[in-house]
Amino acid sequence: MPTPIRFERGDKVRIAEGPYRGHEGLIETLDARRMHVIVPVYGRPTRIELDVRQVRPL
C-alpha cells in the first residue's frame, strides 16, 4: 500500500483528474478526504472542491 501524501493548507498542487486537470492552485482548506483549492480561471481566483486523490503536490 503506498504511503499517503500529506497535504497542508497553503501547499501548491496540480489537479490530476477531472475538468480542471493540469491547473495549479493553492490549498485553502482540507480534511481527510476533501480539499478546497484556489485555482485561477480566466484570471480570477476560483474555489474548487476536490477529493485528495485528484491532486498531486508540486
C-alpha atoms as a PDB file:
ATOM      1  CA  MET A   1       0.000   0.000   0.000  1.00  0.00           C
ATOM      2  CA  PRO A   2       1.519   3.378  -0.975  1.00  0.00           C
ATOM      3  CA  THR A   3       2.230   5.933   1.714  1.00  0.00           C
ATOM      4  CA  PRO A   4      -0.476   8.652   1.716  1.00  0.00           C
ATOM      5  CA  ILE A   5       0.693  12.105   0.693  1.00  0.00           C
ATOM      6  CA  ARG A   6       0.386  14.657   3.476  1.00  0.00           C
ATOM      7  CA  PHE A   7      -1.038  17.985   2.376  1.00  0.00           C
ATOM      8  CA  GLU A   8      -1.201  21.210   4.354  1.00  0.00           C
ATOM      9  CA  ARG A   9      -3.080  24.461   3.932  1.00  0.00           C
ATOM     10  CA  GLY A  10      -1.167  26.709   1.532  1.00  0.00           C
ATOM     11  CA  ASP A  11       0.526  23.857  -0.376  1.00  0.00           C
ATOM     12  CA  LYS A  12       0.748  24.283  -4.131  1.00  0.00           C
ATOM     13  CA  VAL A  13      -0.836  21.392  -6.056  1.00  0.00           C
ATOM     14  CA  ARG A  14      -1.606  20.322  -9.610  1.00  0.00           C
ATOM     15  CA  ILE A  15      -5.028  18.877 -10.393  1.00  0.00           C
ATOM     16  CA  ALA A  16      -4.567  15.409 -11.904  1.00  0.00           C
ATOM     17  CA  GLU A  17      -8.186  14.418 -12.657  1.00  0.00           C
ATOM     18  CA  GLY A  18     -11.431  15.992 -13.763  1.00  0.00           C
ATOM     19  CA  PRO A  19     -12.334  19.041 -15.844  1.00  0.00           C
ATOM     20  CA  TYR A  20      -9.610  21.202 -14.246  1.00  0.00           C
ATOM     21  CA  ARG A  21      -6.857  18.650 -14.918  1.00  0.00           C
ATOM     22  CA  GLY A  22      -3.497  20.347 -15.423  1.00  0.00           C
ATOM     23  CA  HIS A  23      -4.400  23.501 -13.483  1.00  0.00           C
ATOM     24  CA  GLU A  24      -2.310  24.505 -10.484  1.00  0.00           C
ATOM     25  CA  GLY A  25      -3.589  26.084  -7.306  1.00  0.00           C
ATOM     26  CA  LEU A  26      -3.188  26.556  -3.565  1.00  0.00           C
ATOM     27  CA  ILE A  27      -4.940  24.513  -0.894  1.00  0.00           C
ATOM     28  CA  GLU A  28      -7.322  26.729   1.065  1.00  0.00           C
ATOM     29  CA  THR A  29      -8.933  24.132   3.359  1.00  0.00           C
ATOM     30  CA  LEU A  30      -8.732  20.371   3.726  1.00  0.00           C
ATOM     31  CA  ASP A  31      -9.788  17.402   5.776  1.00  0.00           C
ATOM     32  CA  ALA A  32      -9.039  13.675   5.480  1.00  0.00           C
ATOM     33  CA  ARG A  33     -10.904  13.246   2.168  1.00  0.00           C
ATOM     34  CA  ARG A  34     -11.729  16.610   0.590  1.00  0.00           C
ATOM     35  CA  MET A  35     -10.000  19.906  -0.032  1.00  0.00           C
ATOM     36  CA  HIS A  36     -10.759  23.316  -1.460  1.00  0.00           C
ATOM     37  CA  VAL A  37      -8.168  24.584  -3.915  1.00  0.00           C
ATOM     38  CA  ILE A  38      -7.967  28.151  -5.243  1.00  0.00           C
ATOM     39  CA  VAL A  39      -7.293  27.993  -8.992  1.00  0.00           C
ATOM     40  CA  PRO A  40      -7.063  30.926 -11.399  1.00  0.00           C
ATOM     41  CA  VAL A  41      -9.798  30.539 -14.036  1.00  0.00           C
ATOM     42  CA  TYR A  42      -9.948  33.263 -16.677  1.00  0.00           C
ATOM     43  CA  GLY A  43      -7.721  35.405 -14.466  1.00  0.00           C
ATOM     44  CA  ARG A  44      -9.962  35.158 -11.392  1.00  0.00           C
ATOM     45  CA  PRO A  45      -9.355  33.038  -8.290  1.00  0.00           C
ATOM     46  CA  THR A  46     -11.901  30.222  -8.222  1.00  0.00           C
ATOM     47  CA  ARG A  47     -12.537  27.868  -5.294  1.00  0.00           C
ATOM     48  CA  ILE A  48     -12.819  24.225  -6.362  1.00  0.00           C
ATOM     49  CA  GLU A  49     -13.719  21.293  -4.104  1.00  0.00           C
ATOM     50  CA  LEU A  50     -11.696  18.161  -4.847  1.00  0.00           C
ATOM     51  CA  ASP A  51     -11.041  14.719  -3.462  1.00  0.00           C
ATOM     52  CA  VAL A  52      -7.475  14.472  -2.120  1.00  0.00           C
ATOM     53  CA  ARG A  53      -6.798  11.710  -4.674  1.00  0.00           C
ATOM     54  CA  GLN A  54      -7.406  14.181  -7.525  1.00  0.00           C
ATOM     55  CA  VAL A  55      -4.334  16.338  -6.839  1.00  0.00           C
ATOM     56  CA  ARG A  56      -0.555  15.950  -6.834  1.00  0.00           C
ATOM     57  CA  PRO A  57       1.939  18.037  -4.859  1.00  0.00           C
ATOM     58  CA  LEU A  58       4.249  20.487  -6.637  1.00  0.00           C
END
